[in-house]
Amino acid sequence: MIKYVYCIRKRADLTDEEFHTYWKGNHATLIRGLAKTLKAKKYIQSDKLDTPLNDEFVKSRGFDSPAYDGVTELWWDNLDDFLASFSTPEGIEATKQFGSYALLVI
C-alpha cells in the first residue's frame, strides 16, 4: 500500500465553520468522485482537536504558524497505481480539478 498524507490549513479569510463545511462536503465529494480515476482505494480526513494544547505544541517545536486544520490521506494498492494517478491523461485531468477548489491551503 502507498499512503499519501498531507496536512492542510484553511485559507485565512475563511471561518472554521466555512472551512469544515467545504472540506467535509464539497472537497470530500470531489475526491470520492475522482477516486476511481485516480485509482485511489481509500480517502480519510482527520480534523484537528480544538484545544489550547495546539498552541503549546506549535510553540514547543519553535514554530510561529498556527496548527494544521486537518490531515488528509489517500491510499493506493501499489506504487504503479499511485504514479498512474498523476501521470496518465485521466489522472492529470482529474488532478486539475483540485485547483478549482481552492479553499484549502496545502
PDB file of N, CA and C in Angstrom:
ATOM      1  N   MET A   1       0.838  -1.187   0.000  1.00  0.00           N
ATOM      2  CA  MET A   1       0.000   0.000   0.000  1.00  0.00           C
ATOM      3  C   MET A   1       0.880   1.247   0.000  1.00  0.00           C
ATOM      4  N   ILE A   2       0.406   2.249  -0.688  1.00  0.00           N
ATOM      5  CA  ILE A   2       1.041   3.569  -0.695  1.00  0.00           C
ATOM      6  C   ILE A   2       0.065   4.530  -0.026  1.00  0.00           C
ATOM      7  N   LYS A   3       0.548   5.283   0.950  1.00  0.00           N
ATOM      8  CA  LYS A   3      -0.295   6.260   1.634  1.00  0.00           C
ATOM      9  C   LYS A   3       0.315   7.641   1.440  1.00  0.00           C
ATOM     10  N   TYR A   4      -0.480   8.538   0.870  1.00  0.00           N
ATOM     11  CA  TYR A   4      -0.080   9.930   0.649  1.00  0.00           C
ATOM     12  C   TYR A   4      -0.778  10.763   1.709  1.00  0.00           C
ATOM     13  N   VAL A   5      -0.008  11.422   2.554  1.00  0.00           N
ATOM     14  CA  VAL A   5      -0.555  12.194   3.670  1.00  0.00           C
ATOM     15  C   VAL A   5      -0.176  13.655   3.487  1.00  0.00           C
ATOM     16  N   TYR A   6      -1.165  14.516   3.625  1.00  0.00           N
ATOM     17  CA  TYR A   6      -0.820  15.930   3.622  1.00  0.00           C
ATOM     18  C   TYR A   6      -1.624  16.674   4.665  1.00  0.00           C
ATOM     19  N   CYS A   7      -0.944  17.634   5.285  1.00  0.00           N
ATOM     20  CA  CYS A   7      -1.551  18.483   6.311  1.00  0.00           C
ATOM     21  C   CYS A   7      -2.064  19.740   5.628  1.00  0.00           C
ATOM     22  N   ILE A   8      -3.237  20.182   6.056  1.00  0.00           N
ATOM     23  CA  ILE A   8      -3.842  21.332   5.397  1.00  0.00           C
ATOM     24  C   ILE A   8      -4.186  22.423   6.405  1.00  0.00           C
ATOM     25  N   ARG A   9      -4.159  23.624   5.907  1.00  0.00           N
ATOM     26  CA  ARG A   9      -4.627  24.786   6.651  1.00  0.00           C
ATOM     27  C   ARG A   9      -5.699  25.462   5.818  1.00  0.00           C
ATOM     28  N   LYS A  10      -6.665  26.006   6.491  1.00  0.00           N
ATOM     29  CA  LYS A  10      -7.703  26.746   5.777  1.00  0.00           C
ATOM     30  C   LYS A  10      -7.144  28.090   5.345  1.00  0.00           C
ATOM     31  N   ARG A  11      -7.758  28.648   4.307  1.00  0.00           N
ATOM     32  CA  ARG A  11      -7.391  29.997   3.901  1.00  0.00           C
ATOM     33  C   ARG A  11      -7.709  30.956   5.037  1.00  0.00           C
ATOM     34  N   ALA A  12      -6.917  32.006   5.170  1.00  0.00           N
ATOM     35  CA  ALA A  12      -7.059  32.950   6.275  1.00  0.00           C
ATOM     36  C   ALA A  12      -8.399  33.681   6.259  1.00  0.00           C
ATOM     37  N   ASP A  13      -9.007  33.808   5.093  1.00  0.00           N
ATOM     38  CA  ASP A  13     -10.267  34.554   5.012  1.00  0.00           C
ATOM     39  C   ASP A  13     -11.493  33.701   5.333  1.00  0.00           C
ATOM     40  N   LEU A  14     -11.312  32.448   5.685  1.00  0.00           N
ATOM     41  CA  LEU A  14     -12.435  31.563   5.999  1.00  0.00           C
ATOM     42  C   LEU A  14     -12.582  31.365   7.505  1.00  0.00           C
ATOM     43  N   THR A  15     -13.818  31.259   7.941  1.00  0.00           N
ATOM     44  CA  THR A  15     -14.051  30.871   9.327  1.00  0.00           C
ATOM     45  C   THR A  15     -13.848  29.363   9.437  1.00  0.00           C
ATOM     46  N   ASP A  16     -13.710  28.891  10.654  1.00  0.00           N
ATOM     47  CA  ASP A  16     -13.594  27.445  10.855  1.00  0.00           C
ATOM     48  C   ASP A  16     -14.823  26.734  10.300  1.00  0.00           C
ATOM     49  N   GLU A  17     -16.001  27.310  10.526  1.00  0.00           N
ATOM     50  CA  GLU A  17     -17.236  26.689  10.047  1.00  0.00           C
ATOM     51  C   GLU A  17     -17.270  26.622   8.517  1.00  0.00           C
ATOM     52  N   GLU A  18     -16.881  27.711   7.844  1.00  0.00           N
ATOM     53  CA  GLU A  18     -16.857  27.707   6.373  1.00  0.00           C
ATOM     54  C   GLU A  18     -15.888  26.655   5.852  1.00  0.00           C
ATOM     55  N   PHE A  19     -14.723  26.601   6.466  1.00  0.00           N
ATOM     56  CA  PHE A  19     -13.719  25.623   6.047  1.00  0.00           C
ATOM     57  C   PHE A  19     -14.246  24.200   6.200  1.00  0.00           C
ATOM     58  N   HIS A  20     -14.756  23.860   7.370  1.00  0.00           N
ATOM     59  CA  HIS A  20     -15.205  22.489   7.613  1.00  0.00           C
ATOM     60  C   HIS A  20     -16.412  22.112   6.770  1.00  0.00           C
ATOM     61  N   THR A  21     -17.300  23.056   6.541  1.00  0.00           N
ATOM     62  CA  THR A  21     -18.443  22.787   5.667  1.00  0.00           C
ATOM     63  C   THR A  21     -17.945  22.436   4.269  1.00  0.00           C
ATOM     64  N   TYR A  22     -16.994  23.203   3.769  1.00  0.00           N
ATOM     65  CA  TYR A  22     -16.436  22.940   2.441  1.00  0.00           C
ATOM     66  C   TYR A  22     -15.665  21.626   2.423  1.00  0.00           C
ATOM     67  N   TRP A  23     -14.743  21.461   3.371  1.00  0.00           N
ATOM     68  CA  TRP A  23     -13.845  20.306   3.365  1.00  0.00           C
ATOM     69  C   TRP A  23     -14.600  18.993   3.530  1.00  0.00           C
ATOM     70  N   LYS A  24     -15.532  18.968   4.466  1.00  0.00           N
ATOM     71  CA  LYS A  24     -16.286  17.738   4.723  1.00  0.00           C
ATOM     72  C   LYS A  24     -17.335  17.475   3.642  1.00  0.00           C
ATOM     73  N   GLY A  25     -17.792  18.508   2.971  1.00  0.00           N
ATOM     74  CA  GLY A  25     -18.818  18.353   1.948  1.00  0.00           C
ATOM     75  C   GLY A  25     -18.252  18.366   0.553  1.00  0.00           C
ATOM     76  N   ASN A  26     -17.991  19.556   0.040  1.00  0.00           N
ATOM     77  CA  ASN A  26     -17.565  19.733  -1.352  1.00  0.00           C
ATOM     78  C   ASN A  26     -16.276  18.977  -1.685  1.00  0.00           C
ATOM     79  N   HIS A  27     -15.255  19.188  -0.879  1.00  0.00           N
ATOM     80  CA  HIS A  27     -13.962  18.585  -1.183  1.00  0.00           C
ATOM     81  C   HIS A  27     -14.023  17.062  -1.092  1.00  0.00           C
ATOM     82  N   ALA A  28     -14.651  16.555  -0.036  1.00  0.00           N
ATOM     83  CA  ALA A  28     -14.762  15.101   0.127  1.00  0.00           C
ATOM     84  C   ALA A  28     -15.537  14.484  -1.032  1.00  0.00           C
ATOM     85  N   THR A  29     -16.604  15.148  -1.455  1.00  0.00           N
ATOM     86  CA  THR A  29     -17.393  14.653  -2.584  1.00  0.00           C
ATOM     87  C   THR A  29     -16.554  14.641  -3.861  1.00  0.00           C
ATOM     88  N   LEU A  30     -15.781  15.692  -4.081  1.00  0.00           N
ATOM     89  CA  LEU A  30     -14.906  15.766  -5.252  1.00  0.00           C
ATOM     90  C   LEU A  30     -13.918  14.609  -5.256  1.00  0.00           C
ATOM     91  N   ILE A  31     -13.213  14.419  -4.160  1.00  0.00           N
ATOM     92  CA  ILE A  31     -12.176  13.382  -4.100  1.00  0.00           C
ATOM     93  C   ILE A  31     -12.795  11.994  -4.240  1.00  0.00           C
ATOM     94  N   ARG A  32     -13.876  11.752  -3.553  1.00  0.00           N
ATOM     95  CA  ARG A  32     -14.514  10.436  -3.657  1.00  0.00           C
ATOM     96  C   ARG A  32     -15.003  10.182  -5.078  1.00  0.00           C
ATOM     97  N   GLY A  33     -15.442  11.236  -5.762  1.00  0.00           N
ATOM     98  CA  GLY A  33     -15.878  11.094  -7.148  1.00  0.00           C
ATOM     99  C   GLY A  33     -14.731  10.808  -8.104  1.00  0.00           C
ATOM    100  N   LEU A  34     -13.534  11.258  -7.739  1.00  0.00           N
ATOM    101  CA  LEU A  34     -12.356  11.051  -8.585  1.00  0.00           C
ATOM    102  C   LEU A  34     -11.541   9.823  -8.185  1.00  0.00           C
ATOM    103  N   ALA A  35     -11.897   9.190  -7.098  1.00  0.00           N
ATOM    104  CA  ALA A  35     -11.086   8.095  -6.557  1.00  0.00           C
ATOM    105  C   ALA A  35     -10.841   6.991  -7.576  1.00  0.00           C
ATOM    106  N   LYS A  36     -11.867   6.603  -8.313  1.00  0.00           N
ATOM    107  CA  LYS A  36     -11.688   5.521  -9.283  1.00  0.00           C
ATOM    108  C   LYS A  36     -10.718   5.942 -10.388  1.00  0.00           C
ATOM    109  N   THR A  37     -10.886   7.165 -10.898  1.00  0.00           N
ATOM    110  CA  THR A  37      -9.986   7.672 -11.933  1.00  0.00           C
ATOM    111  C   THR A  37      -8.552   7.741 -11.411  1.00  0.00           C
ATOM    112  N   LEU A  38      -8.398   8.142 -10.149  1.00  0.00           N
ATOM    113  CA  LEU A  38      -7.071   8.246  -9.543  1.00  0.00           C
ATOM    114  C   LEU A  38      -6.539   6.902  -9.054  1.00  0.00           C
ATOM    115  N   LYS A  39      -7.353   5.862  -9.159  1.00  0.00           N
ATOM    116  CA  LYS A  39      -7.008   4.522  -8.686  1.00  0.00           C
ATOM    117  C   LYS A  39      -6.748   4.491  -7.180  1.00  0.00           C
ATOM    118  N   ALA A  40      -7.326   5.456  -6.461  1.00  0.00           N
ATOM    119  CA  ALA A  40      -7.177   5.508  -5.010  1.00  0.00           C
ATOM    120  C   ALA A  40      -8.168   4.545  -4.365  1.00  0.00           C
ATOM    121  N   LYS A  41      -7.722   3.863  -3.337  1.00  0.00           N
ATOM    122  CA  LYS A  41      -8.548   2.862  -2.664  1.00  0.00           C
ATOM    123  C   LYS A  41      -9.177   3.378  -1.386  1.00  0.00           C
ATOM    124  N   LYS A  42      -8.583   4.410  -0.805  1.00  0.00           N
ATOM    125  CA  LYS A  42      -9.102   4.899   0.465  1.00  0.00           C
ATOM    126  C   LYS A  42      -8.829   6.398   0.557  1.00  0.00           C
ATOM    127  N   TYR A  43      -9.772   7.111   1.172  1.00  0.00           N
ATOM    128  CA  TYR A  43      -9.647   8.549   1.406  1.00  0.00           C
ATOM    129  C   TYR A  43     -10.086   8.815   2.840  1.00  0.00           C
ATOM    130  N   ILE A  44      -9.233   9.456   3.610  1.00  0.00           N
ATOM    131  CA  ILE A  44      -9.526   9.718   5.021  1.00  0.00           C
ATOM    132  C   ILE A  44      -9.267  11.192   5.315  1.00  0.00           C
ATOM    133  N   GLN A  45     -10.193  11.803   6.065  1.00  0.00           N
ATOM    134  CA  GLN A  45      -9.998  13.153   6.573  1.00  0.00           C
ATOM    135  C   GLN A  45      -9.929  13.073   8.096  1.00  0.00           C
ATOM    136  N   SER A  46      -8.969  13.783   8.672  1.00  0.00           N
ATOM    137  CA  SER A  46      -8.856  13.854  10.129  1.00  0.00           C
ATOM    138  C   SER A  46      -8.828  15.319  10.538  1.00  0.00           C
ATOM    139  N   ASP A  47      -9.751  15.696  11.403  1.00  0.00           N
ATOM    140  CA  ASP A  47      -9.815  17.072  11.901  1.00  0.00           C
ATOM    141  C   ASP A  47      -8.846  17.268  13.051  1.00  0.00           C
ATOM    142  N   LYS A  48      -8.440  18.524  13.246  1.00  0.00           N
ATOM    143  CA  LYS A  48      -7.641  18.831  14.425  1.00  0.00           C
ATOM    144  C   LYS A  48      -8.560  18.842  15.643  1.00  0.00           C
ATOM    145  N   LEU A  49      -7.989  18.569  16.783  1.00  0.00           N
ATOM    146  CA  LEU A  49      -8.721  18.710  18.034  1.00  0.00           C
ATOM    147  C   LEU A  49      -8.643  20.177  18.427  1.00  0.00           C
ATOM    148  N   ASP A  50      -9.770  20.754  18.750  1.00  0.00           N
ATOM    149  CA  ASP A  50      -9.796  22.170  19.127  1.00  0.00           C
ATOM    150  C   ASP A  50      -9.510  22.281  20.616  1.00  0.00           C
ATOM    151  N   THR A  51      -8.227  22.454  20.936  1.00  0.00           N
ATOM    152  CA  THR A  51      -7.781  22.510  22.327  1.00  0.00           C
ATOM    153  C   THR A  51      -6.654  23.534  22.460  1.00  0.00           C
ATOM    154  N   PRO A  52      -6.541  24.186  23.602  1.00  0.00           N
ATOM    155  CA  PRO A  52      -5.427  25.131  23.815  1.00  0.00           C
ATOM    156  C   PRO A  52      -4.061  24.463  23.705  1.00  0.00           C
ATOM    157  N   LEU A  53      -4.014  23.154  23.837  1.00  0.00           N
ATOM    158  CA  LEU A  53      -2.734  22.449  23.717  1.00  0.00           C
ATOM    159  C   LEU A  53      -2.120  22.614  22.330  1.00  0.00           C
ATOM    160  N   ASN A  54      -2.947  22.847  21.297  1.00  0.00           N
ATOM    161  CA  ASN A  54      -2.412  23.029  19.944  1.00  0.00           C
ATOM    162  C   ASN A  54      -1.379  24.142  19.907  1.00  0.00           C
ATOM    163  N   ASP A  55      -1.713  25.281  20.514  1.00  0.00           N
ATOM    164  CA  ASP A  55      -0.772  26.408  20.526  1.00  0.00           C
ATOM    165  C   ASP A  55       0.510  26.051  21.267  1.00  0.00           C
ATOM    166  N   GLU A  56       0.379  25.312  22.342  1.00  0.00           N
ATOM    167  CA  GLU A  56       1.559  24.903  23.107  1.00  0.00           C
ATOM    168  C   GLU A  56       2.442  23.948  22.301  1.00  0.00           C
ATOM    169  N   PHE A  57       1.825  23.027  21.568  1.00  0.00           N
ATOM    170  CA  PHE A  57       2.609  22.118  20.722  1.00  0.00           C
ATOM    171  C   PHE A  57       3.350  22.890  19.638  1.00  0.00           C
ATOM    172  N   VAL A  58       2.676  23.854  19.022  1.00  0.00           N
ATOM    173  CA  VAL A  58       3.310  24.654  17.975  1.00  0.00           C
ATOM    174  C   VAL A  58       4.496  25.409  18.553  1.00  0.00           C
ATOM    175  N   LYS A  59       4.312  26.072  19.682  1.00  0.00           N
ATOM    176  CA  LYS A  59       5.394  26.837  20.320  1.00  0.00           C
ATOM    177  C   LYS A  59       6.548  25.925  20.740  1.00  0.00           C
ATOM    178  N   SER A  60       6.226  24.740  21.268  1.00  0.00           N
ATOM    179  CA  SER A  60       7.272  23.836  21.759  1.00  0.00           C
ATOM    180  C   SER A  60       8.180  23.344  20.642  1.00  0.00           C
ATOM    181  N   ARG A  61       7.694  23.407  19.417  1.00  0.00           N
ATOM    182  CA  ARG A  61       8.502  22.978  18.280  1.00  0.00           C
ATOM    183  C   ARG A  61       9.188  24.154  17.584  1.00  0.00           C
ATOM    184  N   GLY A  62       9.031  25.357  18.153  1.00  0.00           N
ATOM    185  CA  GLY A  62       9.713  26.520  17.611  1.00  0.00           C
ATOM    186  C   GLY A  62       9.045  27.143  16.398  1.00  0.00           C
ATOM    187  N   PHE A  63       7.779  26.819  16.152  1.00  0.00           N
ATOM    188  CA  PHE A  63       7.055  27.376  15.021  1.00  0.00           C
ATOM    189  C   PHE A  63       6.212  28.553  15.484  1.00  0.00           C
ATOM    190  N   ASP A  64       5.915  29.453  14.562  1.00  0.00           N
ATOM    191  CA  ASP A  64       5.013  30.549  14.901  1.00  0.00           C
ATOM    192  C   ASP A  64       3.741  30.526  14.059  1.00  0.00           C
ATOM    193  N   SER A  65       3.599  29.516  13.215  1.00  0.00           N
ATOM    194  CA  SER A  65       2.396  29.401  12.400  1.00  0.00           C
ATOM    195  C   SER A  65       1.351  28.587  13.164  1.00  0.00           C
ATOM    196  N   PRO A  66       0.083  28.762  12.802  1.00  0.00           N
ATOM    197  CA  PRO A  66      -0.966  28.020  13.502  1.00  0.00           C
ATOM    198  C   PRO A  66      -0.906  26.527  13.188  1.00  0.00           C
ATOM    199  N   ALA A  67      -1.541  25.779  14.066  1.00  0.00           N
ATOM    200  CA  ALA A  67      -1.626  24.330  13.845  1.00  0.00           C
ATOM    201  C   ALA A  67      -2.403  24.055  12.562  1.00  0.00           C
ATOM    202  N   TYR A  68      -2.232  22.883  12.031  1.00  0.00           N
ATOM    203  CA  TYR A  68      -2.982  22.492  10.842  1.00  0.00           C
ATOM    204  C   TYR A  68      -4.459  22.344  11.190  1.00  0.00           C
ATOM    205  N   ASP A  69      -5.297  22.552  10.193  1.00  0.00           N
ATOM    206  CA  ASP A  69      -6.736  22.406  10.387  1.00  0.00           C
ATOM    207  C   ASP A  69      -7.205  20.983  10.120  1.00  0.00           C
ATOM    208  N   GLY A  70      -6.381  20.208   9.467  1.00  0.00           N
ATOM    209  CA  GLY A  70      -6.748  18.832   9.208  1.00  0.00           C
ATOM    210  C   GLY A  70      -5.654  18.084   8.488  1.00  0.00           C
ATOM    211  N   VAL A  71      -5.859  16.797   8.364  1.00  0.00           N
ATOM    212  CA  VAL A  71      -4.941  15.912   7.654  1.00  0.00           C
ATOM    213  C   VAL A  71      -5.769  15.061   6.706  1.00  0.00           C
ATOM    214  N   THR A  72      -5.291  14.915   5.496  1.00  0.00           N
ATOM    215  CA  THR A  72      -5.955  14.072   4.510  1.00  0.00           C
ATOM    216  C   THR A  72      -5.007  12.947   4.109  1.00  0.00           C
ATOM    217  N   GLU A  73      -5.580  11.764   3.932  1.00  0.00           N
ATOM    218  CA  GLU A  73      -4.822  10.607   3.464  1.00  0.00           C
ATOM    219  C   GLU A  73      -5.498  10.051   2.218  1.00  0.00           C
ATOM    220  N   LEU A  74      -4.697   9.725   1.229  1.00  0.00           N
ATOM    221  CA  LEU A  74      -5.150   8.964   0.063  1.00  0.00           C
ATOM    222  C   LEU A  74      -4.301   7.705   0.002  1.00  0.00           C
ATOM    223  N   TRP A  75      -4.945   6.573  -0.266  1.00  0.00           N
ATOM    224  CA  TRP A  75      -4.275   5.278  -0.280  1.00  0.00           C
ATOM    225  C   TRP A  75      -4.397   4.631  -1.648  1.00  0.00           C
ATOM    226  N   TRP A  76      -3.312   3.993  -2.088  1.00  0.00           N
ATOM    227  CA  TRP A  76      -3.282   3.211  -3.319  1.00  0.00           C
ATOM    228  C   TRP A  76      -2.770   1.809  -3.008  1.00  0.00           C
ATOM    229  N   ASP A  77      -3.139   0.851  -3.847  1.00  0.00           N
ATOM    230  CA  ASP A  77      -2.696  -0.526  -3.653  1.00  0.00           C
ATOM    231  C   ASP A  77      -1.199  -0.699  -3.870  1.00  0.00           C
ATOM    232  N   ASN A  78      -0.632   0.091  -4.806  1.00  0.00           N
ATOM    233  CA  ASN A  78       0.783  -0.093  -5.136  1.00  0.00           C
ATOM    234  C   ASN A  78       1.344   1.173  -5.773  1.00  0.00           C
ATOM    235  N   LEU A  79       2.650   1.178  -5.952  1.00  0.00           N
ATOM    236  CA  LEU A  79       3.328   2.354  -6.492  1.00  0.00           C
ATOM    237  C   LEU A  79       2.889   2.659  -7.924  1.00  0.00           C
ATOM    238  N   ASP A  80       2.660   1.632  -8.728  1.00  0.00           N
ATOM    239  CA  ASP A  80       2.225   1.858 -10.113  1.00  0.00           C
ATOM    240  C   ASP A  80       0.896   2.607 -10.169  1.00  0.00           C
ATOM    241  N   ASP A  81      -0.065   2.209  -9.320  1.00  0.00           N
ATOM    242  CA  ASP A  81      -1.355   2.909  -9.296  1.00  0.00           C
ATOM    243  C   ASP A  81      -1.185   4.346  -8.821  1.00  0.00           C
ATOM    244  N   PHE A  82      -0.337   4.544  -7.816  1.00  0.00           N
ATOM    245  CA  PHE A  82      -0.068   5.893  -7.320  1.00  0.00           C
ATOM    246  C   PHE A  82       0.516   6.775  -8.423  1.00  0.00           C
ATOM    247  N   LEU A  83       1.537   6.286  -9.097  1.00  0.00           N
ATOM    248  CA  LEU A  83       2.176   7.063 -10.167  1.00  0.00           C
ATOM    249  C   LEU A  83       1.212   7.315 -11.325  1.00  0.00           C
ATOM    250  N   ALA A  84       0.393   6.331 -11.652  1.00  0.00           N
ATOM    251  CA  ALA A  84      -0.575   6.493 -12.739  1.00  0.00           C
ATOM    252  C   ALA A  84      -1.598   7.572 -12.420  1.00  0.00           C
ATOM    253  N   SER A  85      -1.921   7.728 -11.148  1.00  0.00           N
ATOM    254  CA  SER A  85      -2.932   8.716 -10.789  1.00  0.00           C
ATOM    255  C   SER A  85      -2.484  10.134 -11.112  1.00  0.00           C
ATOM    256  N   PHE A  86      -1.189  10.344 -11.218  1.00  0.00           N
ATOM    257  CA  PHE A  86      -0.672  11.675 -11.517  1.00  0.00           C
ATOM    258  C   PHE A  86      -0.027  11.786 -12.898  1.00  0.00           C
ATOM    259  N   SER A  87       0.039  10.677 -13.627  1.00  0.00           N
ATOM    260  CA  SER A  87       0.762  10.728 -14.902  1.00  0.00           C
ATOM    261  C   SER A  87      -0.057  10.299 -16.117  1.00  0.00           C
ATOM    262  N   THR A  88      -1.139   9.573 -15.922  1.00  0.00           N
ATOM    263  CA  THR A  88      -1.962   9.205 -17.068  1.00  0.00           C
ATOM    264  C   THR A  88      -2.794  10.421 -17.490  1.00  0.00           C
ATOM    265  N   PRO A  89      -3.238  10.472 -18.729  1.00  0.00           N
ATOM    266  CA  PRO A  89      -4.089  11.602 -19.146  1.00  0.00           C
ATOM    267  C   PRO A  89      -5.326  11.757 -18.247  1.00  0.00           C
ATOM    268  N   GLU A  90      -5.932  10.642 -17.848  1.00  0.00           N
ATOM    269  CA  GLU A  90      -7.114  10.708 -16.981  1.00  0.00           C
ATOM    270  C   GLU A  90      -6.746  11.241 -15.590  1.00  0.00           C
ATOM    271  N   GLY A  91      -5.622  10.785 -15.080  1.00  0.00           N
ATOM    272  CA  GLY A  91      -5.170  11.243 -13.769  1.00  0.00           C
ATOM    273  C   GLY A  91      -4.806  12.712 -13.771  1.00  0.00           C
ATOM    274  N   ILE A  92      -4.122  13.144 -14.820  1.00  0.00           N
ATOM    275  CA  ILE A  92      -3.753  14.559 -14.935  1.00  0.00           C
ATOM    276  C   ILE A  92      -4.999  15.427 -15.001  1.00  0.00           C
ATOM    277  N   GLU A  93      -5.968  15.016 -15.791  1.00  0.00           N
ATOM    278  CA  GLU A  93      -7.222  15.773 -15.903  1.00  0.00           C
ATOM    279  C   GLU A  93      -7.951  15.805 -14.560  1.00  0.00           C
ATOM    280  N   ALA A  94      -7.960  14.689 -13.850  1.00  0.00           N
ATOM    281  CA  ALA A  94      -8.627  14.634 -12.546  1.00  0.00           C
ATOM    282  C   ALA A  94      -7.956  15.568 -11.539  1.00  0.00           C
ATOM    283  N   THR A  95      -6.626  15.572 -11.505  1.00  0.00           N
ATOM    284  CA  THR A  95      -5.935  16.415 -10.536  1.00  0.00           C
ATOM    285  C   THR A  95      -6.072  17.891 -10.862  1.00  0.00           C
ATOM    286  N   LYS A  96      -6.330  18.243 -12.105  1.00  0.00           N
ATOM    287  CA  LYS A  96      -6.582  19.646 -12.464  1.00  0.00           C
ATOM    288  C   LYS A  96      -7.811  20.172 -11.738  1.00  0.00           C
ATOM    289  N   GLN A  97      -8.750  19.294 -11.448  1.00  0.00           N
ATOM    290  CA  GLN A  97      -9.967  19.717 -10.768  1.00  0.00           C
ATOM    291  C   GLN A  97      -9.700  20.208  -9.353  1.00  0.00           C
ATOM    292  N   PHE A  98      -8.616  19.768  -8.754  1.00  0.00           N
ATOM    293  CA  PHE A  98      -8.291  20.224  -7.403  1.00  0.00           C
ATOM    294  C   PHE A  98      -8.095  21.729  -7.369  1.00  0.00           C
ATOM    295  N   GLY A  99      -7.488  22.285  -8.417  1.00  0.00           N
ATOM    296  CA  GLY A  99      -7.191  23.714  -8.465  1.00  0.00           C
ATOM    297  C   GLY A  99      -8.437  24.581  -8.477  1.00  0.00           C
ATOM    298  N   SER A 100      -9.553  24.046  -8.939  1.00  0.00           N
ATOM    299  CA  SER A 100     -10.770  24.847  -8.956  1.00  0.00           C
ATOM    300  C   SER A 100     -11.450  24.883  -7.595  1.00  0.00           C
ATOM    301  N   TYR A 101     -10.935  24.122  -6.666  1.00  0.00           N
ATOM    302  CA  TYR A 101     -11.483  24.093  -5.307  1.00  0.00           C
ATOM    303  C   TYR A 101     -10.417  24.617  -4.361  1.00  0.00           C
ATOM    304  N   ALA A 102     -10.184  25.910  -4.421  1.00  0.00           N
ATOM    305  CA  ALA A 102      -9.034  26.490  -3.749  1.00  0.00           C
ATOM    306  C   ALA A 102      -9.346  27.080  -2.380  1.00  0.00           C
ATOM    307  N   LEU A 103     -10.215  26.438  -1.622  1.00  0.00           N
ATOM    308  CA  LEU A 103     -10.479  26.906  -0.270  1.00  0.00           C
ATOM    309  C   LEU A 103      -9.470  26.357   0.715  1.00  0.00           C
ATOM    310  N   LEU A 104      -8.638  25.438   0.269  1.00  0.00           N
ATOM    311  CA  LEU A 104      -7.637  24.830   1.134  1.00  0.00           C
ATOM    312  C   LEU A 104      -6.258  25.334   0.773  1.00  0.00           C
ATOM    313  N   VAL A 105      -5.414  25.417   1.763  1.00  0.00           N
ATOM    314  CA  VAL A 105      -4.006  25.697   1.538  1.00  0.00           C
ATOM    315  C   VAL A 105      -3.266  24.435   1.906  1.00  0.00           C
ATOM    316  N   ILE A 106      -2.594  23.834   0.937  1.00  0.00           N
ATOM    317  CA  ILE A 106      -1.907  22.565   1.202  1.00  0.00           C
ATOM    318  C   ILE A 106      -0.412  22.804   1.278  1.00  0.00           C
TER     319      ILE A 106
END
